[in-house]
Amino acid sequence: EVQLVESGGGLVQPGGSLRLSCVASGFDFGLFAMSWVRQAPGKGPEWVSAISSTSSRKWYGDSVKGRFLISRSNNKKTLYLQLNSLEVDDTAMYYCAKRKDGYDGGWPGKIDDYPYWGQGTQVTVSS
């Protein structure tokens, strides 16, 4: 069973930083691309970032490009998201997501190609 457990969220002032982590189990983590998705209250999911299985390719949404950094440790089966220069609009529940089995499309695909989500970690940016 795929399990994804996020942590690291919290309350931070505008301009601050946070590092989110996602520990994976139940599948061979090193074989799958992973993503971060966020959802703000009353809004639909927003695809934030994606990373290939070997970290050779990374993708960022326009709203976070230049501020967020995605990384992973396959040895530790952990996905990370470094959030810098946080803005009020970054307030959301952040979820890590696993790419679906048997995916054979292009990079990075689309948000629907990452259907397995964790329970999320809340990030609140407020002064």
Protein backbone atom coordinates (compact mmCIF):
# COMPACT_ATOMS: atom_id res chain seq x y z
CA GLU A 1 0.00 0.00 0.00
CA VAL A 2 1.35 3.40 -0.98
CA GLN A 3 1.91 5.64 2.03
CA LEU A 4 3.10 9.22 1.87
CA VAL A 5 3.54 11.18 5.10
CA GLU A 6 4.25 14.90 4.87
CA SER A 7 5.67 17.10 7.60
CA GLY A 8 7.36 20.45 8.09
CA GLY A 9 4.48 22.83 7.61
CA GLY A 10 3.67 25.66 9.98
CA LEU A 11 3.03 29.35 10.41
CA VAL A 12 5.62 31.67 8.89
CA GLN A 13 5.84 35.37 8.16
CA PRO A 14 5.99 36.70 4.60
CA GLY A 15 9.52 36.39 3.30
CA GLY A 16 10.25 33.43 5.51
CA SER A 17 11.24 29.87 4.66
CA LEU A 18 10.11 26.34 5.40
CA ARG A 19 11.30 22.89 4.41
CA LEU A 20 8.68 20.25 3.79
CA SER A 21 9.43 16.53 3.88
CA CYS A 22 7.52 13.51 2.64
CA VAL A 23 8.47 10.01 3.74
CA ALA A 24 7.34 7.30 1.35
CA SER A 25 6.66 3.62 1.91
CA GLY A 26 4.86 0.74 0.25
CA PHE A 27 6.50 1.12 -3.15
CA ASP A 28 9.94 1.34 -4.72
CA PHE A 29 10.46 5.06 -4.20
CA GLY A 30 13.56 5.31 -6.38
CA LEU A 31 11.65 4.21 -9.49
CA PHE A 32 8.97 6.90 -9.52
CA ALA A 33 8.78 10.57 -10.31
CA MET A 34 7.22 12.56 -7.48
CA SER A 35 5.43 15.86 -7.17
CA TRP A 36 4.21 18.45 -4.74
CA VAL A 37 0.66 19.72 -5.06
CA ARG A 38 -1.04 22.38 -2.97
CA GLN A 39 -4.61 23.36 -2.32
CA ALA A 40 -5.77 26.58 -0.77
CA PRO A 41 -9.18 26.88 0.92
CA GLY A 42 -11.94 27.16 -1.65
CA LYS A 43 -9.62 26.55 -4.59
CA GLY A 44 -8.71 23.58 -6.74
CA PRO A 45 -5.39 21.74 -6.55
CA GLU A 46 -2.34 23.54 -7.92
CA TRP A 47 0.63 21.57 -9.21
CA VAL A 48 3.70 23.07 -7.60
CA SER A 49 6.72 21.01 -8.61
CA ALA A 50 7.87 17.64 -9.90
CA ILE A 51 11.12 15.69 -9.83
CA SER A 52 12.17 12.66 -11.85
CA SER A 53 13.19 9.40 -10.21
CA THR A 54 16.91 10.17 -10.46
CA SER A 55 16.57 13.92 -9.78
CA SER A 56 17.87 14.63 -13.28
CA ARG A 57 14.77 16.62 -14.20
CA LYS A 58 12.81 19.12 -12.19
CA TRP A 59 9.75 21.16 -13.03
CA TYR A 60 8.20 24.15 -11.24
CA GLY A 61 4.92 25.94 -11.62
CA ASP A 62 5.18 29.59 -12.64
CA SER A 63 3.91 30.83 -9.28
CA VAL A 64 6.80 29.23 -7.37
CA LYS A 65 9.62 29.26 -9.91
CA GLY A 66 12.75 30.80 -8.43
CA ARG A 67 11.46 30.53 -4.86
CA PHE A 68 10.87 26.82 -4.24
CA LEU A 69 13.35 23.96 -4.63
CA ILE A 70 12.41 20.30 -4.96
CA SER A 71 14.79 17.50 -4.06
CA ARG A 72 14.76 13.89 -2.98
CA SER A 73 16.83 11.24 -1.23
CA ASN A 74 16.16 7.82 -2.67
CA ASN A 75 18.24 6.23 0.09
CA LYS A 76 15.98 7.81 2.70
CA LYS A 77 12.82 7.40 0.57
CA THR A 78 12.10 11.04 1.23
CA LEU A 79 10.92 13.92 -0.94
CA TYR A 80 11.63 17.52 0.02
CA LEU A 81 10.36 20.96 -0.88
CA GLN A 82 12.31 24.03 0.23
CA LEU A 83 10.00 27.04 0.34
CA ASN A 84 11.78 30.41 0.25
CA SER A 85 10.54 33.99 0.01
CA LEU A 86 7.11 32.85 1.10
CA GLU A 87 4.11 34.97 0.21
CA VAL A 88 0.61 35.12 1.68
CA ASP A 89 -0.69 33.45 -1.49
CA ASP A 90 1.46 30.40 -0.72
CA THR A 91 -0.89 29.56 2.15
CA ALA A 92 -2.29 26.10 1.43
CA MET A 93 -2.25 22.45 2.35
CA TYR A 94 0.77 20.90 0.67
CA TYR A 95 0.66 17.30 -0.52
CA CYS A 96 3.33 15.06 -1.94
CA ALA A 97 2.18 12.86 -4.77
CA LYS A 98 3.44 9.71 -6.49
CA ARG A 99 3.26 9.20 -10.23
CA LYS A 100 0.94 6.44 -11.35
CA ASP A 101 2.19 2.98 -12.22
CA GLY A 102 2.98 2.25 -15.85
CA TYR A 103 3.23 5.90 -16.88
CA ASP A 104 4.83 6.18 -20.30
CA GLY A 105 4.17 9.78 -21.26
CA GLY A 106 6.43 12.79 -21.50
CA TRP A 107 8.01 14.91 -18.79
CA PRO A 108 6.59 16.07 -16.44
CA GLY A 109 3.16 14.93 -17.56
CA LYS A 110 0.20 16.56 -15.84
CA ILE A 111 -1.18 16.73 -12.34
CA ASP A 112 -3.56 13.83 -12.98
CA ASP A 113 -0.57 11.59 -13.61
CA TYR A 114 0.25 11.84 -9.88
CA PRO A 115 -2.87 10.34 -8.29
CA TYR A 116 -1.46 9.09 -4.99
CA TRP A 117 -1.39 11.80 -2.35
CA GLY A 118 -0.45 11.93 1.31
CA GLN A 119 -2.54 13.54 4.05
CA GLY A 120 -0.85 16.91 3.60
CA THR A 121 0.92 19.47 5.75
CA GLN A 122 -0.46 22.96 6.29
CA VAL A 123 1.59 26.02 5.36
CA THR A 124 0.26 29.36 6.57
CA VAL A 125 1.99 32.58 5.59
CA SER A 126 0.81 35.52 7.65
CA SER A 127 2.17 38.54 9.44
